[in-house]
């Protein structure tokens, strides 16, 4: 499903900088992969400085693209966009917004949503999406959706798995009311923020920081 993003010059600069670095990393990895045909692109990518600033999900997507392209006789990768998973890119159907990781920080952008697109977002699970710049200069995201399963059907699912799938309402439901570790407090706070419950999320974070100020247990991939 394709969503057109509503951007301003600053957002476009951040998105373009991320796209350019992804392209540079992809083509550097392609050159390296062609010179060392016996090694996997995912392993070779660890030696390239360009990839250090990119999320792991973007690097994995680039490696998969390089594996396909390394057998071409010649040519490089155009790489007109970059892939983000459900942690690095979130779609808020109710507010018609998309939260996107970039090299210059996370952006919250408006999106043009029709009724059918809202229906798909409300009934499916966002797995991630590819942020792409069209020839016209407009930016859009090609969202990857999957049918809801697991918790809705009664199948046991871990909180970590629910978080990766973008099921933040279910994460909040699972974690409320129990004794939580520092990591779980962070997961609950993020789930509450994602579902628009900002006041409760802020209280939770303030309580957690006042109690012990723990070291962050996770980072965005």
C-alpha atoms as a PDB file:
ATOM      1  CA  UNK A   1       0.000   0.000   0.000  1.00  0.00           C
ATOM      2  CA  UNK A   2       1.407   3.365  -1.061  1.00  0.00           C
ATOM      3  CA  UNK A   3       1.062   6.462   1.114  1.00  0.00           C
ATOM      4  CA  UNK A   4       2.105   9.907  -0.062  1.00  0.00           C
ATOM      5  CA  UNK A   5       3.987  11.853   2.611  1.00  0.00           C
ATOM      6  CA  UNK A   6       3.432  15.542   3.346  1.00  0.00           C
ATOM      7  CA  UNK A   7       6.907  17.051   3.657  1.00  0.00           C
ATOM      8  CA  UNK A   8       8.641  20.396   4.075  1.00  0.00           C
ATOM      9  CA  UNK A   9      12.168  21.365   2.905  1.00  0.00           C
ATOM     10  CA  UNK A  10      13.822  20.292   6.167  1.00  0.00           C
ATOM     11  CA  UNK A  11      12.126  16.876   6.092  1.00  0.00           C
ATOM     12  CA  UNK A  12      13.035  16.412   2.440  1.00  0.00           C
ATOM     13  CA  UNK A  13      16.683  17.164   3.206  1.00  0.00           C
ATOM     14  CA  UNK A  14      16.700  14.562   5.996  1.00  0.00           C
ATOM     15  CA  UNK A  15      15.048  11.943   3.807  1.00  0.00           C
ATOM     16  CA  UNK A  16      17.376  12.683   0.903  1.00  0.00           C
ATOM     17  CA  UNK A  17      20.479  12.472   3.095  1.00  0.00           C
ATOM     18  CA  UNK A  18      19.323   9.050   4.297  1.00  0.00           C
ATOM     19  CA  UNK A  19      18.585   7.887   0.757  1.00  0.00           C
ATOM     20  CA  UNK A  20      21.984   9.071  -0.514  1.00  0.00           C
ATOM     21  CA  UNK A  21      23.898   7.300   2.259  1.00  0.00           C
ATOM     22  CA  UNK A  22      21.903   4.113   1.649  1.00  0.00           C
ATOM     23  CA  UNK A  23      22.779   4.282  -2.062  1.00  0.00           C
ATOM     24  CA  UNK A  24      26.461   4.848  -1.313  1.00  0.00           C
ATOM     25  CA  UNK A  25      26.486   1.910   1.086  1.00  0.00           C
ATOM     26  CA  UNK A  26      24.661  -0.319  -1.402  1.00  0.00           C
ATOM     27  CA  UNK A  27      27.072   0.354  -4.258  1.00  0.00           C
ATOM     28  CA  UNK A  28      30.166   0.057  -2.051  1.00  0.00           C
ATOM     29  CA  UNK A  29      28.842  -3.293  -0.831  1.00  0.00           C
ATOM     30  CA  UNK A  30      28.076  -4.394  -4.392  1.00  0.00           C
ATOM     31  CA  UNK A  31      31.667  -3.688  -5.492  1.00  0.00           C
ATOM     32  CA  UNK A  32      32.985  -5.617  -2.495  1.00  0.00           C
ATOM     33  CA  UNK A  33      30.593  -8.531  -3.056  1.00  0.00           C
ATOM     34  CA  UNK A  34      31.648  -8.885  -6.692  1.00  0.00           C
ATOM     35  CA  UNK A  35      35.303  -8.955  -5.690  1.00  0.00           C
ATOM     36  CA  UNK A  36      34.710 -11.607  -3.032  1.00  0.00           C
ATOM     37  CA  UNK A  37      32.100 -13.975  -4.511  1.00  0.00           C
ATOM     38  CA  UNK A  38      32.486 -16.612  -1.823  1.00  0.00           C
ATOM     39  CA  UNK A  39      31.281 -14.400   1.051  1.00  0.00           C
ATOM     40  CA  UNK A  40      27.776 -13.317   1.958  1.00  0.00           C
ATOM     41  CA  UNK A  41      26.839  -9.666   1.544  1.00  0.00           C
ATOM     42  CA  UNK A  42      25.548  -9.458   5.124  1.00  0.00           C
ATOM     43  CA  UNK A  43      29.003 -10.398   6.418  1.00  0.00           C
ATOM     44  CA  UNK A  44      30.901  -8.167   3.990  1.00  0.00           C
ATOM     45  CA  UNK A  45      28.767  -5.179   4.960  1.00  0.00           C
ATOM     46  CA  UNK A  46      30.212  -5.156   8.483  1.00  0.00           C
ATOM     47  CA  UNK A  47      33.524  -3.866   7.119  1.00  0.00           C
ATOM     48  CA  UNK A  48      32.020  -0.788   5.441  1.00  0.00           C
ATOM     49  CA  UNK A  49      31.935   2.492   7.345  1.00  0.00           C
ATOM     50  CA  UNK A  50      28.930   3.802   5.390  1.00  0.00           C
ATOM     51  CA  UNK A  51      26.641   1.251   7.003  1.00  0.00           C
ATOM     52  CA  UNK A  52      27.485   2.147  10.601  1.00  0.00           C
ATOM     53  CA  UNK A  53      24.938   4.991  10.721  1.00  0.00           C
ATOM     54  CA  UNK A  54      22.102   2.959   9.159  1.00  0.00           C
ATOM     55  CA  UNK A  55      19.599   0.792  11.084  1.00  0.00           C
ATOM     56  CA  UNK A  56      20.137  -2.937  10.959  1.00  0.00           C
ATOM     57  CA  UNK A  57      16.878  -3.397   9.047  1.00  0.00           C
ATOM     58  CA  UNK A  58      18.108  -1.066   6.276  1.00  0.00           C
ATOM     59  CA  UNK A  59      21.452  -2.856   6.071  1.00  0.00           C
ATOM     60  CA  UNK A  60      19.704  -6.230   5.797  1.00  0.00           C
ATOM     61  CA  UNK A  61      17.506  -4.958   2.963  1.00  0.00           C
ATOM     62  CA  UNK A  62      20.550  -3.586   1.137  1.00  0.00           C
ATOM     63  CA  UNK A  63      22.403  -6.895   1.557  1.00  0.00           C
ATOM     64  CA  UNK A  64      19.471  -8.784   0.032  1.00  0.00           C
ATOM     65  CA  UNK A  65      19.461  -6.402  -2.923  1.00  0.00           C
ATOM     66  CA  UNK A  66      23.213  -6.790  -3.353  1.00  0.00           C
ATOM     67  CA  UNK A  67      22.941 -10.596  -3.309  1.00  0.00           C
ATOM     68  CA  UNK A  68      20.627 -10.378  -6.311  1.00  0.00           C
ATOM     69  CA  UNK A  69      22.752  -7.798  -8.136  1.00  0.00           C
ATOM     70  CA  UNK A  70      26.222  -9.278  -7.537  1.00  0.00           C
ATOM     71  CA  UNK A  71      25.667 -11.733 -10.409  1.00  0.00           C
ATOM     72  CA  UNK A  72      25.019  -8.996 -12.950  1.00  0.00           C
ATOM     73  CA  UNK A  73      27.843  -8.534 -15.429  1.00  0.00           C
ATOM     74  CA  UNK A  74      28.043  -4.803 -14.736  1.00  0.00           C
ATOM     75  CA  UNK A  75      26.152  -1.807 -13.431  1.00  0.00           C
ATOM     76  CA  UNK A  76      25.308  -0.458 -10.010  1.00  0.00           C
ATOM     77  CA  UNK A  77      22.214   0.050  -7.869  1.00  0.00           C
ATOM     78  CA  UNK A  78      20.039   3.132  -8.254  1.00  0.00           C
ATOM     79  CA  UNK A  79      18.577   2.743  -4.747  1.00  0.00           C
ATOM     80  CA  UNK A  80      15.868   5.403  -4.938  1.00  0.00           C
ATOM     81  CA  UNK A  81      14.751   4.727  -1.360  1.00  0.00           C
ATOM     82  CA  UNK A  82      15.471   2.841   1.847  1.00  0.00           C
ATOM     83  CA  UNK A  83      13.704   0.127   3.821  1.00  0.00           C
ATOM     84  CA  UNK A  84      12.624   0.551   7.452  1.00  0.00           C
ATOM     85  CA  UNK A  85      11.018  -2.066   9.694  1.00  0.00           C
ATOM     86  CA  UNK A  86       8.053  -1.588  12.035  1.00  0.00           C
ATOM     87  CA  UNK A  87      10.250  -0.164  14.800  1.00  0.00           C
ATOM     88  CA  UNK A  88      11.890   2.454  12.593  1.00  0.00           C
ATOM     89  CA  UNK A  89       8.740   3.414  10.695  1.00  0.00           C
ATOM     90  CA  UNK A  90       5.299   3.642  12.314  1.00  0.00           C
ATOM     91  CA  UNK A  91       1.997   4.519  10.714  1.00  0.00           C
ATOM     92  CA  UNK A  92      -0.640   6.254  12.848  1.00  0.00           C
ATOM     93  CA  UNK A  93      -3.871   5.809  10.927  1.00  0.00           C
ATOM     94  CA  UNK A  94      -6.002   7.827  13.372  1.00  0.00           C
ATOM     95  CA  UNK A  95      -3.818  10.916  13.043  1.00  0.00           C
ATOM     96  CA  UNK A  96      -2.874  10.329   9.382  1.00  0.00           C
ATOM     97  CA  UNK A  97       0.810  10.456  10.305  1.00  0.00           C
ATOM     98  CA  UNK A  98       3.936   8.430   9.608  1.00  0.00           C
ATOM     99  CA  UNK A  99       6.880   8.413  12.018  1.00  0.00           C
ATOM    100  CA  UNK A 100      10.127   7.792  10.137  1.00  0.00           C
ATOM    101  CA  UNK A 101      13.733   7.248  11.218  1.00  0.00           C
ATOM    102  CA  UNK A 102      16.296   9.352   9.330  1.00  0.00           C
ATOM    103  CA  UNK A 103      19.981  10.179   9.709  1.00  0.00           C
ATOM    104  CA  UNK A 104      18.983  13.540  11.161  1.00  0.00           C
ATOM    105  CA  UNK A 105      16.521  12.187  13.696  1.00  0.00           C
ATOM    106  CA  UNK A 106      12.998  10.841  13.718  1.00  0.00           C
ATOM    107  CA  UNK A 107      10.417  12.731  11.665  1.00  0.00           C
ATOM    108  CA  UNK A 108       6.659  12.757  12.124  1.00  0.00           C
ATOM    109  CA  UNK A 109       5.101  13.480   8.746  1.00  0.00           C
ATOM    110  CA  UNK A 110       1.530  13.866   7.610  1.00  0.00           C
ATOM    111  CA  UNK A 111       0.212  11.306   5.122  1.00  0.00           C
ATOM    112  CA  UNK A 112      -2.632  11.388   2.623  1.00  0.00           C
ATOM    113  CA  UNK A 113      -5.002   8.608   3.661  1.00  0.00           C
ATOM    114  CA  UNK A 114      -8.212   7.562   1.949  1.00  0.00           C
ATOM    115  CA  UNK A 115     -10.964   5.561   3.625  1.00  0.00           C
ATOM    116  CA  UNK A 116      -9.810   2.292   2.087  1.00  0.00           C
ATOM    117  CA  UNK A 117      -6.229   2.880   3.192  1.00  0.00           C
ATOM    118  CA  UNK A 118      -7.426   3.586   6.736  1.00  0.00           C
ATOM    119  CA  UNK A 119      -9.406   0.346   6.658  1.00  0.00           C
ATOM    120  CA  UNK A 120      -6.340  -1.637   5.584  1.00  0.00           C
ATOM    121  CA  UNK A 121      -4.195  -0.061   8.294  1.00  0.00           C
ATOM    122  CA  UNK A 122      -6.810  -0.693  10.987  1.00  0.00           C
ATOM    123  CA  UNK A 123      -7.284  -4.338  10.019  1.00  0.00           C
ATOM    124  CA  UNK A 124      -3.672  -5.258   9.203  1.00  0.00           C
ATOM    125  CA  UNK A 125      -0.241  -5.191  10.792  1.00  0.00           C
ATOM    126  CA  UNK A 126       2.456  -2.860   9.471  1.00  0.00           C
ATOM    127  CA  UNK A 127       5.658  -4.854   8.925  1.00  0.00           C
ATOM    128  CA  UNK A 128       7.624  -1.871   7.665  1.00  0.00           C
ATOM    129  CA  UNK A 129       7.931   0.072   4.463  1.00  0.00           C
ATOM    130  CA  UNK A 130      10.185   1.470   1.776  1.00  0.00           C
ATOM    131  CA  UNK A 131      10.612   5.242   1.812  1.00  0.00           C
ATOM    132  CA  UNK A 132      11.024   6.400  -1.783  1.00  0.00           C
ATOM    133  CA  UNK A 133      11.377   9.621  -3.717  1.00  0.00           C
ATOM    134  CA  UNK A 134       9.367   9.778  -6.936  1.00  0.00           C
ATOM    135  CA  UNK A 135      10.650  11.409 -10.127  1.00  0.00           C
ATOM    136  CA  UNK A 136       8.374  14.344  -9.376  1.00  0.00           C
ATOM    137  CA  UNK A 137      10.311  14.923  -6.146  1.00  0.00           C
ATOM    138  CA  UNK A 138       7.436  13.814  -3.899  1.00  0.00           C
ATOM    139  CA  UNK A 139       8.152  11.329  -1.130  1.00  0.00           C
ATOM    140  CA  UNK A 140       6.012   8.311  -0.367  1.00  0.00           C
ATOM    141  CA  UNK A 141       6.159   5.100   1.605  1.00  0.00           C
ATOM    142  CA  UNK A 142       5.279   1.683   0.224  1.00  0.00           C
ATOM    143  CA  UNK A 143       3.854   0.046   3.354  1.00  0.00           C
ATOM    144  CA  UNK A 144       4.147  -3.704   3.835  1.00  0.00           C
ATOM    145  CA  UNK A 145       1.033  -5.025   5.543  1.00  0.00           C
ATOM    146  CA  UNK A 146       0.221  -8.446   6.939  1.00  0.00           C
ATOM    147  CA  UNK A 147      -3.053  -9.876   8.196  1.00  0.00           C
ATOM    148  CA  UNK A 148      -3.544  -9.794  11.957  1.00  0.00           C
ATOM    149  CA  UNK A 149      -2.907 -13.126  13.609  1.00  0.00           C
ATOM    150  CA  UNK A 150      -1.378 -14.505  16.787  1.00  0.00           C
ATOM    151  CA  UNK A 151      -2.915 -12.626  19.722  1.00  0.00           C
ATOM    152  CA  UNK A 152      -6.224 -12.043  17.919  1.00  0.00           C
ATOM    153  CA  UNK A 153      -6.575 -15.810  17.396  1.00  0.00           C
ATOM    154  CA  UNK A 154      -5.427 -16.774  20.864  1.00  0.00           C
ATOM    155  CA  UNK A 155      -1.956 -17.927  19.807  1.00  0.00           C
ATOM    156  CA  UNK A 156       0.682 -17.169  22.488  1.00  0.00           C
ATOM    157  CA  UNK A 157       2.949 -14.351  21.311  1.00  0.00           C
ATOM    158  CA  UNK A 158       5.793 -12.692  23.181  1.00  0.00           C
ATOM    159  CA  UNK A 159       5.772  -8.972  23.924  1.00  0.00           C
ATOM    160  CA  UNK A 160       8.980  -8.594  21.902  1.00  0.00           C
ATOM    161  CA  UNK A 161       7.323 -10.222  18.891  1.00  0.00           C
ATOM    162  CA  UNK A 162       4.231  -8.039  19.253  1.00  0.00           C
ATOM    163  CA  UNK A 163       6.461  -4.944  19.380  1.00  0.00           C
ATOM    164  CA  UNK A 164       8.308  -6.011  16.228  1.00  0.00           C
ATOM    165  CA  UNK A 165       4.959  -6.509  14.481  1.00  0.00           C
ATOM    166  CA  UNK A 166       3.774  -3.039  15.459  1.00  0.00           C
ATOM    167  CA  UNK A 167       0.920  -4.337  17.668  1.00  0.00           C
ATOM    168  CA  UNK A 168       1.392  -1.619  20.280  1.00  0.00           C
ATOM    169  CA  UNK A 169      -2.163  -1.749  21.641  1.00  0.00           C
ATOM    170  CA  UNK A 170      -1.610  -5.413  22.489  1.00  0.00           C
ATOM    171  CA  UNK A 171       1.810  -4.620  24.017  1.00  0.00           C
ATOM    172  CA  UNK A 172       0.181  -2.041  26.307  1.00  0.00           C
ATOM    173  CA  UNK A 173      -2.582  -4.496  27.270  1.00  0.00           C
ATOM    174  CA  UNK A 174      -0.067  -7.227  28.133  1.00  0.00           C
ATOM    175  CA  UNK A 175       2.222  -5.049  30.236  1.00  0.00           C
ATOM    176  CA  UNK A 176      -0.283  -2.998  32.217  1.00  0.00           C
ATOM    177  CA  UNK A 177      -0.794  -3.853  35.854  1.00  0.00           C
ATOM    178  CA  UNK A 178       2.206  -6.093  36.459  1.00  0.00           C
ATOM    179  CA  UNK A 179       5.642  -5.756  38.019  1.00  0.00           C
ATOM    180  CA  UNK A 180       7.839  -4.614  35.133  1.00  0.00           C
ATOM    181  CA  UNK A 181      11.563  -4.688  34.473  1.00  0.00           C
ATOM    182  CA  UNK A 182      13.288  -1.539  33.197  1.00  0.00           C
ATOM    183  CA  UNK A 183      13.057  -2.889  29.654  1.00  0.00           C
ATOM    184  CA  UNK A 184       9.347  -3.649  30.004  1.00  0.00           C
ATOM    185  CA  UNK A 185       8.710  -0.161  31.401  1.00  0.00           C
ATOM    186  CA  UNK A 186      10.347   1.246  28.286  1.00  0.00           C
ATOM    187  CA  UNK A 187       8.290  -1.027  26.038  1.00  0.00           C
ATOM    188  CA  UNK A 188       5.088   0.003  27.776  1.00  0.00           C
ATOM    189  CA  UNK A 189       5.958   3.707  27.559  1.00  0.00           C
ATOM    190  CA  UNK A 190       6.665   3.434  23.827  1.00  0.00           C
ATOM    191  CA  UNK A 191       3.457   1.483  23.268  1.00  0.00           C
ATOM    192  CA  UNK A 192       1.456   4.127  25.121  1.00  0.00           C
ATOM    193  CA  UNK A 193       3.069   6.904  23.073  1.00  0.00           C
ATOM    194  CA  UNK A 194       2.357   5.044  19.864  1.00  0.00           C
ATOM    195  CA  UNK A 195      -1.313   4.628  20.763  1.00  0.00           C
ATOM    196  CA  UNK A 196      -1.715   8.297  21.691  1.00  0.00           C
ATOM    197  CA  UNK A 197      -1.743   7.872  25.492  1.00  0.00           C
ATOM    198  CA  UNK A 198       0.953  10.478  26.048  1.00  0.00           C
ATOM    199  CA  UNK A 199       0.007  11.539  29.583  1.00  0.00           C
ATOM    200  CA  UNK A 200       0.184   7.991  30.926  1.00  0.00           C
ATOM    201  CA  UNK A 201       3.458   7.385  29.059  1.00  0.00           C
ATOM    202  CA  UNK A 202       5.030  10.517  30.545  1.00  0.00           C
ATOM    203  CA  UNK A 203       3.971   9.543  34.075  1.00  0.00           C
ATOM    204  CA  UNK A 204       5.434   6.092  33.599  1.00  0.00           C
ATOM    205  CA  UNK A 205       8.748   7.490  32.373  1.00  0.00           C
ATOM    206  CA  UNK A 206       8.936  10.031  35.195  1.00  0.00           C
ATOM    207  CA  UNK A 207       8.221   7.314  37.764  1.00  0.00           C
ATOM    208  CA  UNK A 208      10.859   5.030  36.237  1.00  0.00           C
ATOM    209  CA  UNK A 209      13.498   7.746  36.134  1.00  0.00           C
ATOM    210  CA  UNK A 210      12.736   8.886  39.659  1.00  0.00           C
ATOM    211  CA  UNK A 211      13.013   5.349  40.937  1.00  0.00           C
ATOM    212  CA  UNK A 212      16.408   4.340  39.593  1.00  0.00           C
ATOM    213  CA  UNK A 213      17.296   6.133  36.351  1.00  0.00           C
ATOM    214  CA  UNK A 214      18.200   2.843  34.586  1.00  0.00           C
ATOM    215  CA  UNK A 215      20.492   2.631  31.596  1.00  0.00           C
ATOM    216  CA  UNK A 216      18.398   2.341  28.397  1.00  0.00           C
ATOM    217  CA  UNK A 217      17.886  -1.330  27.699  1.00  0.00           C
ATOM    218  CA  UNK A 218      17.384  -1.023  23.969  1.00  0.00           C
ATOM    219  CA  UNK A 219      17.911   1.218  20.963  1.00  0.00           C
ATOM    220  CA  UNK A 220      16.044   1.634  17.700  1.00  0.00           C
ATOM    221  CA  UNK A 221      17.267  -0.718  15.026  1.00  0.00           C
END
